[in-house]
Amino acid sequence: MRMLKLLVVLILAGLIGLAGYAYFGDMAPTRQEVRTPLQLDAPAAEQPAEAAGD
């Protein structure tokens, strides 16, 4: 019975320690700038005036 109590206490201490590490540990993400070229498939800007009014 004494070993069971010790085991429960150790498991609870481990869970409390894990939760404390999750909240207070150094878990900040590393920031890194990412640049990706973007190709837009937009129509050409120069269209005839007649086509714009149809």
C-alpha atoms as a PDB file:
ATOM      1  CA  MET A   1       0.000   0.000   0.000  1.00  0.00           C
ATOM      2  CA  ARG A   2       2.912   2.284   0.749  1.00  0.00           C
ATOM      3  CA  MET A   3       4.431   1.686  -2.692  1.00  0.00           C
ATOM      4  CA  LEU A   4       1.111   2.540  -4.350  1.00  0.00           C
ATOM      5  CA  LYS A   5       0.968   5.882  -2.520  1.00  0.00           C
ATOM      6  CA  LEU A   6       4.552   6.613  -3.529  1.00  0.00           C
ATOM      7  CA  LEU A   7       3.762   5.767  -7.147  1.00  0.00           C
ATOM      8  CA  VAL A   8       0.696   8.044  -7.141  1.00  0.00           C
ATOM      9  CA  VAL A   9       2.696  10.887  -5.603  1.00  0.00           C
ATOM     10  CA  LEU A  10       5.469  10.485  -8.183  1.00  0.00           C
ATOM     11  CA  ILE A  11       2.968  10.430 -11.065  1.00  0.00           C
ATOM     12  CA  LEU A  12       1.242  13.565  -9.741  1.00  0.00           C
ATOM     13  CA  ALA A  13       4.585  15.311  -9.288  1.00  0.00           C
ATOM     14  CA  GLY A  14       5.532  14.397 -12.846  1.00  0.00           C
ATOM     15  CA  LEU A  15       2.254  15.720 -14.251  1.00  0.00           C
ATOM     16  CA  ILE A  16       2.573  18.957 -12.283  1.00  0.00           C
ATOM     17  CA  GLY A  17       6.154  19.327 -13.482  1.00  0.00           C
ATOM     18  CA  LEU A  18       5.117  18.706 -17.084  1.00  0.00           C
ATOM     19  CA  ALA A  19       2.335  21.287 -16.854  1.00  0.00           C
ATOM     20  CA  GLY A  20       4.743  23.792 -15.283  1.00  0.00           C
ATOM     21  CA  TYR A  21       7.264  23.249 -18.059  1.00  0.00           C
ATOM     22  CA  ALA A  22       4.541  23.713 -20.673  1.00  0.00           C
ATOM     23  CA  TYR A  23       3.515  27.065 -19.173  1.00  0.00           C
ATOM     24  CA  PHE A  24       6.868  28.454 -18.068  1.00  0.00           C
ATOM     25  CA  GLY A  25       9.423  26.611 -20.208  1.00  0.00           C
ATOM     26  CA  ASP A  26      11.271  28.160 -23.120  1.00  0.00           C
ATOM     27  CA  MET A  27       8.869  27.168 -25.861  1.00  0.00           C
ATOM     28  CA  ALA A  28       8.976  30.333 -27.967  1.00  0.00           C
ATOM     29  CA  PRO A  29       8.903  29.674 -31.710  1.00  0.00           C
ATOM     30  CA  THR A  30      11.882  30.727 -33.762  1.00  0.00           C
ATOM     31  CA  ARG A  31      10.864  33.527 -36.095  1.00  0.00           C
ATOM     32  CA  GLN A  32      12.122  33.599 -39.626  1.00  0.00           C
ATOM     33  CA  GLU A  33      11.211  35.869 -42.526  1.00  0.00           C
ATOM     34  CA  VAL A  34       9.849  33.998 -45.529  1.00  0.00           C
ATOM     35  CA  ARG A  35       9.562  35.634 -48.948  1.00  0.00           C
ATOM     36  CA  THR A  36       7.799  33.904 -51.803  1.00  0.00           C
ATOM     37  CA  PRO A  37       7.446  35.404 -55.281  1.00  0.00           C
ATOM     38  CA  LEU A  38       3.853  35.761 -56.402  1.00  0.00           C
ATOM     39  CA  GLN A  39       2.684  35.454 -60.006  1.00  0.00           C
ATOM     40  CA  LEU A  40      -0.787  36.878 -60.597  1.00  0.00           C
ATOM     41  CA  ASP A  41      -2.764  35.719 -63.626  1.00  0.00           C
ATOM     42  CA  ALA A  42      -4.489  39.070 -64.127  1.00  0.00           C
ATOM     43  CA  PRO A  43      -5.534  40.314 -67.589  1.00  0.00           C
ATOM     44  CA  ALA A  44      -3.314  42.849 -69.299  1.00  0.00           C
ATOM     45  CA  ALA A  45      -3.888  46.459 -68.222  1.00  0.00           C
ATOM     46  CA  GLU A  46      -3.963  47.779 -71.792  1.00  0.00           C
ATOM     47  CA  GLN A  47      -7.282  46.862 -73.423  1.00  0.00           C
ATOM     48  CA  PRO A  48      -8.923  48.643 -76.357  1.00  0.00           C
ATOM     49  CA  ALA A  49     -11.577  51.206 -75.392  1.00  0.00           C
ATOM     50  CA  GLU A  50     -14.268  49.442 -77.503  1.00  0.00           C
ATOM     51  CA  ALA A  51     -13.823  46.144 -75.647  1.00  0.00           C
ATOM     52  CA  ALA A  52     -14.190  47.811 -72.255  1.00  0.00           C
ATOM     53  CA  GLY A  53     -17.616  49.262 -73.143  1.00  0.00           C
ATOM     54  CA  ASP A  54     -19.250  46.059 -74.444  1.00  0.00           C
END
